[in-house]
C-alpha atoms as a PDB file:
ATOM      1  CA  MET A   1      19.030  76.880  30.580  1.00  0.00           C
ATOM      2  CA  ARG A   2      17.235  75.654  27.384  1.00  0.00           C
ATOM      3  CA  ASN A   3      14.609  78.427  27.595  1.00  0.00           C
ATOM      4  CA  LEU A   4      17.164  81.152  27.745  1.00  0.00           C
ATOM      5  CA  VAL A   5      17.550  83.123  24.502  1.00  0.00           C
ATOM      6  CA  ALA A   6      19.504  86.298  23.565  1.00  0.00           C
ATOM      7  CA  SER A   7      17.182  89.272  23.540  1.00  0.00           C
ATOM      8  CA  SER A   8      19.536  91.367  21.352  1.00  0.00           C
ATOM      9  CA  TYR A   9      22.902  91.557  19.845  1.00  0.00           C
ATOM     10  CA  ALA A  10      25.192  94.585  19.632  1.00  0.00           C
ATOM     11  CA  ARG A  11      28.817  95.396  18.538  1.00  0.00           C
ATOM     12  CA  TRP A  12      31.164  98.228  19.492  1.00  0.00           C
ATOM     13  CA  ARG A  13      34.528  99.108  18.189  1.00  0.00           C
ATOM     14  CA  VAL A  14      37.344  99.711  20.727  1.00  0.00           C
ATOM     15  CA  PRO A  15      39.902 102.407  19.478  1.00  0.00           C
ATOM     16  CA  LEU A  16      42.896 100.024  19.651  1.00  0.00           C
ATOM     17  CA  ALA A  17      46.348 101.627  19.148  1.00  0.00           C
ATOM     18  CA  PRO A  18      49.530 100.188  17.541  1.00  0.00           C
ATOM     19  CA  ASP A  19      51.479  98.155  20.124  1.00  0.00           C
ATOM     20  CA  PRO A  20      54.717  99.923  20.723  1.00  0.00           C
ATOM     21  CA  GLU A  21      56.495  96.591  21.411  1.00  0.00           C
ATOM     22  CA  SER A  22      55.230  94.915  18.222  1.00  0.00           C
ATOM     23  CA  PRO A  23      57.993  94.600  15.633  1.00  0.00           C
ATOM     24  CA  ASP A  24      55.578  94.893  12.734  1.00  0.00           C
ATOM     25  CA  GLY A  25      53.423  97.618  14.134  1.00  0.00           C
ATOM     26  CA  ALA A  26      50.372  95.405  14.872  1.00  0.00           C
ATOM     27  CA  LEU A  27      47.516  96.712  16.876  1.00  0.00           C
ATOM     28  CA  GLU A  28      47.258  95.937  20.623  1.00  0.00           C
ATOM     29  CA  THR A  29      44.862  93.090  21.594  1.00  0.00           C
ATOM     30  CA  VAL A  30      42.157  92.848  24.152  1.00  0.00           C
ATOM     31  CA  VAL A  31      43.325  90.425  27.027  1.00  0.00           C
ATOM     32  CA  ALA A  32      40.590  91.168  29.584  1.00  0.00           C
ATOM     33  CA  HIS A  33      37.202  92.737  29.867  1.00  0.00           C
ATOM     34  CA  CYS A  34      34.248  93.496  32.112  1.00  0.00           C
ATOM     35  CA  HIS A  35      31.010  95.322  32.150  1.00  0.00           C
ATOM     36  CA  ASP A  36      29.275  97.872  34.342  1.00  0.00           C
ATOM     37  CA  ALA A  37      25.536  97.038  33.735  1.00  0.00           C
ATOM     38  CA  ASP A  38      24.307  99.968  35.768  1.00  0.00           C
ATOM     39  CA  ALA A  39      26.380 102.610  33.937  1.00  0.00           C
ATOM     40  CA  GLY A  40      26.127 100.765  30.729  1.00  0.00           C
ATOM     41  CA  VAL A  41      29.879 100.833  30.028  1.00  0.00           C
ATOM     42  CA  ALA A  42      32.089  97.928  28.736  1.00  0.00           C
ATOM     43  CA  TYR A  43      35.761  98.000  29.891  1.00  0.00           C
ATOM     44  CA  VAL A  44      38.649  96.336  28.063  1.00  0.00           C
ATOM     45  CA  VAL A  45      42.309  95.992  28.965  1.00  0.00           C
ATOM     46  CA  THR A  46      44.749  95.541  26.144  1.00  0.00           C
ATOM     47  CA  SER A  47      48.124  93.830  25.780  1.00  0.00           C
ATOM     48  CA  ALA A  48      49.772  97.267  25.928  1.00  0.00           C
ATOM     49  CA  CYS A  49      48.322  97.875  29.314  1.00  0.00           C
ATOM     50  CA  ASN A  50      45.762 100.365  28.055  1.00  0.00           C
ATOM     51  CA  LEU A  51      42.336 100.647  29.604  1.00  0.00           C
ATOM     52  CA  TYR A  52      39.190 101.663  27.447  1.00  0.00           C
ATOM     53  CA  GLY A  53      35.667 102.202  28.364  1.00  0.00           C
ATOM     54  CA  VAL A  54      32.931 102.008  25.780  1.00  0.00           C
ATOM     55  CA  GLU A  55      29.443 103.246  26.326  1.00  0.00           C
ATOM     56  CA  THR A  56      26.989 100.415  25.437  1.00  0.00           C
ATOM     57  CA  ARG A  57      23.614 101.967  25.989  1.00  0.00           C
ATOM     58  CA  MET A  58      21.451 102.762  22.995  1.00  0.00           C
ATOM     59  CA  GLY A  59      24.176 101.391  20.857  1.00  0.00           C
ATOM     60  CA  SER A  60      26.161 104.662  21.044  1.00  0.00           C
ATOM     61  CA  GLY A  61      29.636 102.915  21.187  1.00  0.00           C
ATOM     62  CA  LYS A  62      31.155 106.241  22.452  1.00  0.00           C
ATOM     63  CA  CYS A  63      34.568 105.785  24.046  1.00  0.00           C
ATOM     64  CA  VAL A  64      34.273 107.330  27.559  1.00  0.00           C
ATOM     65  CA  LEU A  65      37.567 106.236  29.065  1.00  0.00           C
ATOM     66  CA  GLU A  66      41.083 105.914  27.557  1.00  0.00           C
ATOM     67  CA  MET A  67      44.072 105.625  29.777  1.00  0.00           C
ATOM     68  CA  THR A  68      47.223 103.742  30.386  1.00  0.00           C
ATOM     69  CA  LEU A  69      48.037 101.595  33.491  1.00  0.00           C
ATOM     70  CA  VAL A  70      51.795 102.102  33.208  1.00  0.00           C
ATOM     71  CA  THR A  71      53.477 105.342  34.042  1.00  0.00           C
ATOM     72  CA  PRO A  72      55.385 106.490  30.885  1.00  0.00           C
ATOM     73  CA  PRO A  73      59.163 107.032  31.110  1.00  0.00           C
ATOM     74  CA  ARG A  74      60.234 110.505  32.390  1.00  0.00           C
ATOM     75  CA  SER A  75      62.897 112.701  31.001  1.00  0.00           C
ATOM     76  CA  SER A  76      65.483 114.355  33.149  1.00  0.00           C
ATOM     77  CA  SER A  77      63.584 117.683  32.801  1.00  0.00           C
ATOM     78  CA  ASP A  78      60.588 116.110  34.692  1.00  0.00           C
ATOM     79  CA  ALA A  79      62.581 115.954  37.969  1.00  0.00           C
ATOM     80  CA  ASP A  80      61.077 119.092  39.395  1.00  0.00           C
ATOM     81  CA  ALA A  81      58.561 119.993  42.158  1.00  0.00           C
ATOM     82  CA  ASP A  82      55.637 118.670  40.072  1.00  0.00           C
ATOM     83  CA  ALA A  83      57.422 115.235  39.817  1.00  0.00           C
ATOM     84  CA  ILE A  84      58.104 115.152  43.509  1.00  0.00           C
ATOM     85  CA  ASP A  85      54.419 115.666  44.264  1.00  0.00           C
ATOM     86  CA  ALA A  86      53.295 113.096  41.773  1.00  0.00           C
ATOM     87  CA  GLU A  87      51.754 109.732  42.843  1.00  0.00           C
ATOM     88  CA  PRO A  88      53.999 106.694  42.620  1.00  0.00           C
ATOM     89  CA  PRO A  89      53.285 104.523  39.678  1.00  0.00           C
ATOM     90  CA  ALA A  90      50.721 101.791  40.350  1.00  0.00           C
ATOM     91  CA  LEU A  91      52.211  99.617  37.563  1.00  0.00           C
ATOM     92  CA  PRO A  92      55.905 100.468  36.982  1.00  0.00           C
ATOM     93  CA  ARG A  93      56.217  98.295  34.006  1.00  0.00           C
ATOM     94  CA  ARG A  94      54.039  96.477  31.418  1.00  0.00           C
ATOM     95  CA  ALA A  95      52.413  93.295  32.397  1.00  0.00           C
ATOM     96  CA  ASP A  96      49.702  90.982  31.163  1.00  0.00           C
ATOM     97  CA  CYS A  97      46.211  91.401  32.723  1.00  0.00           C
ATOM     98  CA  VAL A  98      44.755  88.002  33.711  1.00  0.00           C
ATOM     99  CA  ALA A  99      41.345  89.204  34.986  1.00  0.00           C
ATOM    100  CA  ALA A 100      39.236  92.341  35.203  1.00  0.00           C
ATOM    101  CA  GLU A 101      36.031  92.866  37.059  1.00  0.00           C
ATOM    102  CA  HIS A 102      33.798  95.832  37.839  1.00  0.00           C
ATOM    103  CA  VAL A 103      33.077  95.936  41.582  1.00  0.00           C
ATOM    104  CA  VAL A 104      30.208  98.141  42.796  1.00  0.00           C
ATOM    105  CA  GLU A 105      31.545  98.135  46.329  1.00  0.00           C
ATOM    106  CA  LEU A 106      34.940  99.598  45.033  1.00  0.00           C
ATOM    107  CA  GLY A 107      33.313 102.127  42.744  1.00  0.00           C
ATOM    108  CA  GLY A 108      35.434 100.992  39.908  1.00  0.00           C
ATOM    109  CA  LEU A 109      37.413  98.181  38.389  1.00  0.00           C
ATOM    110  CA  CYS A 110      39.664  95.612  39.972  1.00  0.00           C
ATOM    111  CA  LEU A 111      42.495  94.309  37.686  1.00  0.00           C
ATOM    112  CA  ALA A 112      44.810  91.276  38.415  1.00  0.00           C
ATOM    113  CA  MET A 113      48.150  91.380  36.628  1.00  0.00           C
ATOM    114  CA  ALA A 114      50.361  88.358  35.836  1.00  0.00           C
ATOM    115  CA  SER A 115      53.232  90.136  37.515  1.00  0.00           C
ATOM    116  CA  GLY A 116      51.373  90.039  40.818  1.00  0.00           C
ATOM    117  CA  GLU A 117      49.907  93.434  41.219  1.00  0.00           C
ATOM    118  CA  LEU A 118      46.213  93.901  42.207  1.00  0.00           C
ATOM    119  CA  LEU A 119      45.108  97.224  40.880  1.00  0.00           C
ATOM    120  CA  VAL A 120      41.884  99.289  41.656  1.00  0.00           C
ATOM    121  CA  VAL A 121      41.027 101.762  38.952  1.00  0.00           C
ATOM    122  CA  ALA A 122      38.230 104.236  39.810  1.00  0.00           C
ATOM    123  CA  PRO A 123      37.103 107.918  39.178  1.00  0.00           C
ATOM    124  CA  GLU A 124      38.787 110.245  41.554  1.00  0.00           C
ATOM    125  CA  ASP A 125      35.649 112.127  42.475  1.00  0.00           C
ATOM    126  CA  GLY A 126      33.439 109.030  42.686  1.00  0.00           C
ATOM    127  CA  ASP A 127      30.319 110.876  41.897  1.00  0.00           C
ATOM    128  CA  GLY A 128      28.551 107.733  40.488  1.00  0.00           C
ATOM    129  CA  ASP A 129      27.577 109.114  37.061  1.00  0.00           C
ATOM    130  CA  ASP A 130      26.156 106.700  34.674  1.00  0.00           C
ATOM    131  CA  ALA A 131      28.892 107.245  31.977  1.00  0.00           C
ATOM    132  CA  ILE A 132      31.905 109.105  33.218  1.00  0.00           C
ATOM    133  CA  ASP A 133      33.983 110.688  30.571  1.00  0.00           C
ATOM    134  CA  ALA A 134      37.763 110.475  31.359  1.00  0.00           C
ATOM    135  CA  ARG A 135      38.327 113.689  29.453  1.00  0.00           C
ATOM    136  CA  SER A 136      36.437 115.596  32.154  1.00  0.00           C
ATOM    137  CA  THR A 137      36.687 113.162  35.181  1.00  0.00           C
ATOM    138  CA  PRO A 138      40.202 111.860  35.909  1.00  0.00           C
ATOM    139  CA  TRP A 139      40.545 108.142  36.887  1.00  0.00           C
ATOM    140  CA  ALA A 140      43.105 107.029  39.351  1.00  0.00           C
ATOM    141  CA  THR A 141      45.002 103.697  39.553  1.00  0.00           C
ATOM    142  CA  GLU A 142      45.945 102.259  42.920  1.00  0.00           C
ATOM    143  CA  CYS A 143      48.036  99.211  43.649  1.00  0.00           C
ATOM    144  CA  VAL A 144      46.383  97.710  46.715  1.00  0.00           C
ATOM    145  CA  GLY A 145      48.719  94.749  47.025  1.00  0.00           C
ATOM    146  CA  GLU A 146      51.168  92.466  45.315  1.00  0.00           C
ATOM    147  CA  VAL A 147      51.777  88.693  45.162  1.00  0.00           C
ATOM    148  CA  ARG A 148      55.457  87.947  44.580  1.00  0.00           C
ATOM    149  CA  SER A 149      54.843  84.665  42.762  1.00  0.00           C
ATOM    150  CA  GLY A 150      52.376  86.470  40.365  1.00  0.00           C
ATOM    151  CA  LEU A 151      48.665  86.016  39.708  1.00  0.00           C
ATOM    152  CA  ARG A 152      46.884  83.476  37.537  1.00  0.00           C
ATOM    153  CA  ALA A 153      43.242  84.223  38.148  1.00  0.00           C
ATOM    154  CA  MET A 154      40.863  86.380  40.094  1.00  0.00           C
ATOM    155  CA  ARG A 155      37.096  86.248  40.963  1.00  0.00           C
ATOM    156  CA  TRP A 156      34.802  88.398  43.076  1.00  0.00           C
ATOM    157  CA  CYS A 157      31.733  86.911  44.715  1.00  0.00           C
ATOM    158  CA  PRO A 158      28.437  88.339  43.237  1.00  0.00           C
ATOM    159  CA  ASP A 159      27.801  90.540  46.384  1.00  0.00           C
ATOM    160  CA  GLY A 160      31.345  92.011  46.216  1.00  0.00           C
ATOM    161  CA  GLU A 161      32.235  90.979  49.729  1.00  0.00           C
ATOM    162  CA  ILE A 162      34.863  88.229  49.090  1.00  0.00           C
ATOM    163  CA  LEU A 163      37.664  88.007  46.552  1.00  0.00           C
ATOM    164  CA  ALA A 164      39.525  84.860  45.534  1.00  0.00           C
ATOM    165  CA  LEU A 165      42.920  84.855  43.924  1.00  0.00           C
ATOM    166  CA  VAL A 166      44.979  82.075  42.353  1.00  0.00           C
ATOM    167  CA  THR A 167      48.736  82.744  42.733  1.00  0.00           C
ATOM    168  CA  GLY A 168      51.575  81.701  40.602  1.00  0.00           C
ATOM    169  CA  ALA A 169      52.594  79.412  43.579  1.00  0.00           C
ATOM    170  CA  ASN A 170      49.410  77.406  42.994  1.00  0.00           C
ATOM    171  CA  THR A 171      47.659  78.655  46.121  1.00  0.00           C
ATOM    172  CA  ILE A 172      44.174  80.014  46.506  1.00  0.00           C
ATOM    173  CA  VAL A 173      43.787  83.207  48.637  1.00  0.00           C
ATOM    174  CA  CYS A 174      40.472  84.530  49.980  1.00  0.00           C
ATOM    175  CA  MET A 175      40.255  88.087  50.935  1.00  0.00           C
ATOM    176  CA  THR A 176      37.726  90.580  52.076  1.00  0.00           C
ATOM    177  CA  LYS A 177      36.599  93.567  49.973  1.00  0.00           C
ATOM    178  CA  ASP A 178      39.112  95.669  52.007  1.00  0.00           C
ATOM    179  CA  PHE A 179      41.889  93.216  50.863  1.00  0.00           C
ATOM    180  CA  PHE A 180      42.471  91.536  54.284  1.00  0.00           C
ATOM    181  CA  VAL A 181      43.508  87.918  53.960  1.00  0.00           C
ATOM    182  CA  LEU A 182      40.866  85.468  55.318  1.00  0.00           C
ATOM    183  CA  ALA A 183      42.368  82.118  54.249  1.00  0.00           C
ATOM    184  CA  GLU A 184      45.153  80.674  52.063  1.00  0.00           C
ATOM    185  CA  ALA A 185      45.700  77.117  50.896  1.00  0.00           C
ATOM    186  CA  PRO A 186      47.436  75.132  48.179  1.00  0.00           C
ATOM    187  CA  ILE A 187      45.218  74.184  45.245  1.00  0.00           C
ATOM    188  CA  GLY A 188      43.886  70.822  45.968  1.00  0.00           C
ATOM    189  CA  GLY A 189      44.621  71.058  49.768  1.00  0.00           C
ATOM    190  CA  CYS A 190      42.354  71.857  52.731  1.00  0.00           C
ATOM    191  CA  CYS A 191      41.571  75.475  53.445  1.00  0.00           C
ATOM    192  CA  GLY A 192      43.174  76.996  56.424  1.00  0.00           C
ATOM    193  CA  GLY A 193      42.616  80.293  58.088  1.00  0.00           C
ATOM    194  CA  GLY A 194      44.725  83.465  57.812  1.00  0.00           C
ATOM    195  CA  GLY A 195      47.368  82.429  55.451  1.00  0.00           C
ATOM    196  CA  GLY A 196      47.991  78.901  56.625  1.00  0.00           C
ATOM    197  CA  GLY A 197      48.407  77.483  53.263  1.00  0.00           C
ATOM    198  CA  GLY A 198      51.346  78.112  50.912  1.00  0.00           C
ATOM    199  CA  GLY A 199      53.134  80.336  53.313  1.00  0.00           C
ATOM    200  CA  GLU A 200      53.354  83.251  51.050  1.00  0.00           C
ATOM    201  CA  THR A 201      51.510  85.572  53.357  1.00  0.00           C
ATOM    202  CA  ALA A 202      53.772  88.334  54.560  1.00  0.00           C
ATOM    203  CA  SER A 203      51.231  90.777  55.891  1.00  0.00           C
ATOM    204  CA  HIS A 204      47.552  90.914  56.706  1.00  0.00           C
ATOM    205  CA  THR A 205      47.251  94.734  56.392  1.00  0.00           C
ATOM    206  CA  THR A 206      46.328  96.851  53.474  1.00  0.00           C
ATOM    207  CA  PRO A 207      47.996  97.093  51.055  1.00  0.00           C
ATOM    208  CA  PHE A 208      48.691  93.481  51.419  1.00  0.00           C
ATOM    209  CA  ALA A 209      51.874  91.685  50.422  1.00  0.00           C
ATOM    210  CA  LEU A 210      51.934  87.959  49.625  1.00  0.00           C
END
């Protein structure tokens, strides 16, 4: 490790917005981030549940993605055919993001929320462009599962095949990339198979429920 040196430094500005829940109008803050090295885009999640993507190649700093993870409140006039056909909200209310990772196998981002939701955010067309501009390519948010006790941490293995979650009930859950439970055990205990640990597992299907 002693012979590792930084080859370059760069700085980019994220277009943060005022936090609507801040009494003094302070800006939202970055709570989680990840990087897509192939596309050259850095992603950040803020305290107001906004997701931004900033292009990092050639120092452009262009914002290529700006979206909210929370469905905004609807007025009574929205209860029409379009509202009926709309997708259900992936995140019905604001929550802290405890971890974010870009996963090549998912074609997008995986976000773990403190309230227990595990979200996958990816381009709807999935064409694999190097830098996808959200203004021309919509991104979709899907809740692939929920942990009732909440989530404290998340980590994907480097090959994108196994996912590990730390729950609010102090258990570790290992899952496949398709979100099927492989094992569940209390922190500090012995690993068991198929949810034999903390007893939170309610389903081994996708979307999962723990």
